[in-house]
Structures are given as structure tokens and as C-alpha cells.
Protein backbone atom coordinates (compact mmCIF):
# COMPACT_ATOMS: atom_id res chain seq x y z
CA MET A 1 1.30 -11.35 -2.23
CA ASN A 2 3.03 -14.41 -0.85
CA ASP A 3 1.73 -16.82 1.78
CA GLN A 4 3.71 -15.19 4.59
CA GLU A 5 2.22 -11.77 3.81
CA VAL A 6 -1.28 -13.23 3.69
CA LYS A 7 -0.81 -14.97 7.06
CA SER A 8 0.61 -11.79 8.56
CA ALA A 9 -2.30 -9.70 7.27
CA ASN A 10 -4.82 -12.28 8.47
CA THR A 11 -3.23 -12.27 11.92
CA LEU A 12 -3.29 -8.48 12.03
CA PHE A 13 -6.90 -8.17 10.91
CA SER A 14 -8.13 -11.04 13.06
CA SER A 15 -6.78 -9.28 16.13
CA ILE A 16 -9.03 -6.27 15.48
CA PRO A 17 -12.31 -6.80 17.34
CA ASN A 18 -15.77 -6.33 15.88
CA ILE A 19 -14.81 -6.56 12.20
CA ASN A 20 -16.99 -8.70 10.02
CA PRO A 21 -15.00 -11.27 7.96
CA GLU A 22 -16.96 -10.21 4.88
CA ASP A 23 -15.74 -6.65 5.42
CA LEU A 24 -12.18 -7.96 5.53
CA LYS A 25 -12.71 -9.66 2.17
CA GLU A 26 -14.02 -6.37 0.77
CA ILE A 27 -10.97 -4.54 2.11
CA GLU A 28 -8.67 -7.15 0.57
CA LEU A 29 -10.45 -6.82 -2.79
CA ARG A 30 -10.17 -3.03 -2.75
CA LEU A 31 -6.49 -3.18 -1.83
CA LYS A 32 -5.81 -5.58 -4.70
CA GLU A 33 -7.67 -3.28 -7.10
CA ALA A 34 -5.68 -0.29 -5.84
CA ARG A 35 -2.42 -2.23 -6.25
CA ASP A 36 -3.33 -3.23 -9.81
CA LYS A 37 -4.32 0.33 -10.74
CA THR A 38 -1.12 1.70 -9.22
CA GLN A 39 0.99 -0.80 -11.17
CA GLU A 40 -0.86 0.14 -14.36
CA LEU A 41 -0.27 3.86 -13.80
CA ILE A 42 3.43 3.29 -13.05
CA ARG A 43 3.82 1.29 -16.27
CA THR A 44 1.95 3.95 -18.25
CA TYR A 45 3.82 6.93 -16.75
CA PRO A 46 7.21 5.66 -15.52
CA LEU A 47 9.06 9.00 -15.54
CA THR A 48 6.25 10.78 -13.75
CA SER A 49 6.17 7.98 -11.17
CA VAL A 50 9.91 8.29 -10.54
CA ALA A 51 9.65 12.07 -10.25
CA ILE A 52 6.81 11.80 -7.73
CA GLY A 53 8.76 9.21 -5.73
CA LEU A 54 11.84 11.44 -5.68
CA GLY A 55 9.77 14.45 -4.64
CA ILE A 56 8.12 12.58 -1.80
CA GLY A 57 11.47 11.17 -0.68
CA PHE A 58 12.97 14.66 -0.73
CA LEU A 59 10.13 16.10 1.34
CA ILE A 60 10.31 13.29 3.90
CA GLY A 61 14.07 13.76 4.11
CA ARG A 62 13.65 17.48 4.72
CA MET A 63 11.07 16.85 7.43
CA PHE A 64 13.35 14.49 9.33
CA SER A 65 16.67 16.28 8.80
CA LYS A 66 18.22 17.77 11.91
CA LYS A 67 19.21 21.08 10.35
């Protein structure tokens, strides 16, 4: 995550009222853990990851097609 993304996320989360800053740190930690786990799974199962991505893309395309 680069500095611009961090600033953008901080701006977004700081605009949400009644959220404890410690909770935001917990959310950030969980998101980083999820990102790391996702990257690990993609590296472990690259073909499965591509197939899932293609399937999801196909389904989204079908939902938004005008036919």
C-alpha cells in the first residue's frame, strides 16, 4: 500500500463518525492479513485463481449484459 492509498483510506475512515481509532487499526491489521493470505493462495493455486476470476468476470458480464 503506497502513501496515497494510506492517506485516502485514512480520510475515508476519519469521515465516519463514532469509530474508535483503535478499531480502525484492528480493521487495517485484518485487511493486511486477508491480503497476505489471498496472495499466498494465489501463488499456491494460480490456475484455480485464474479460473475463479474468469468465472466471476463471466457472471458479472452476464448480469450487466443488455440481452
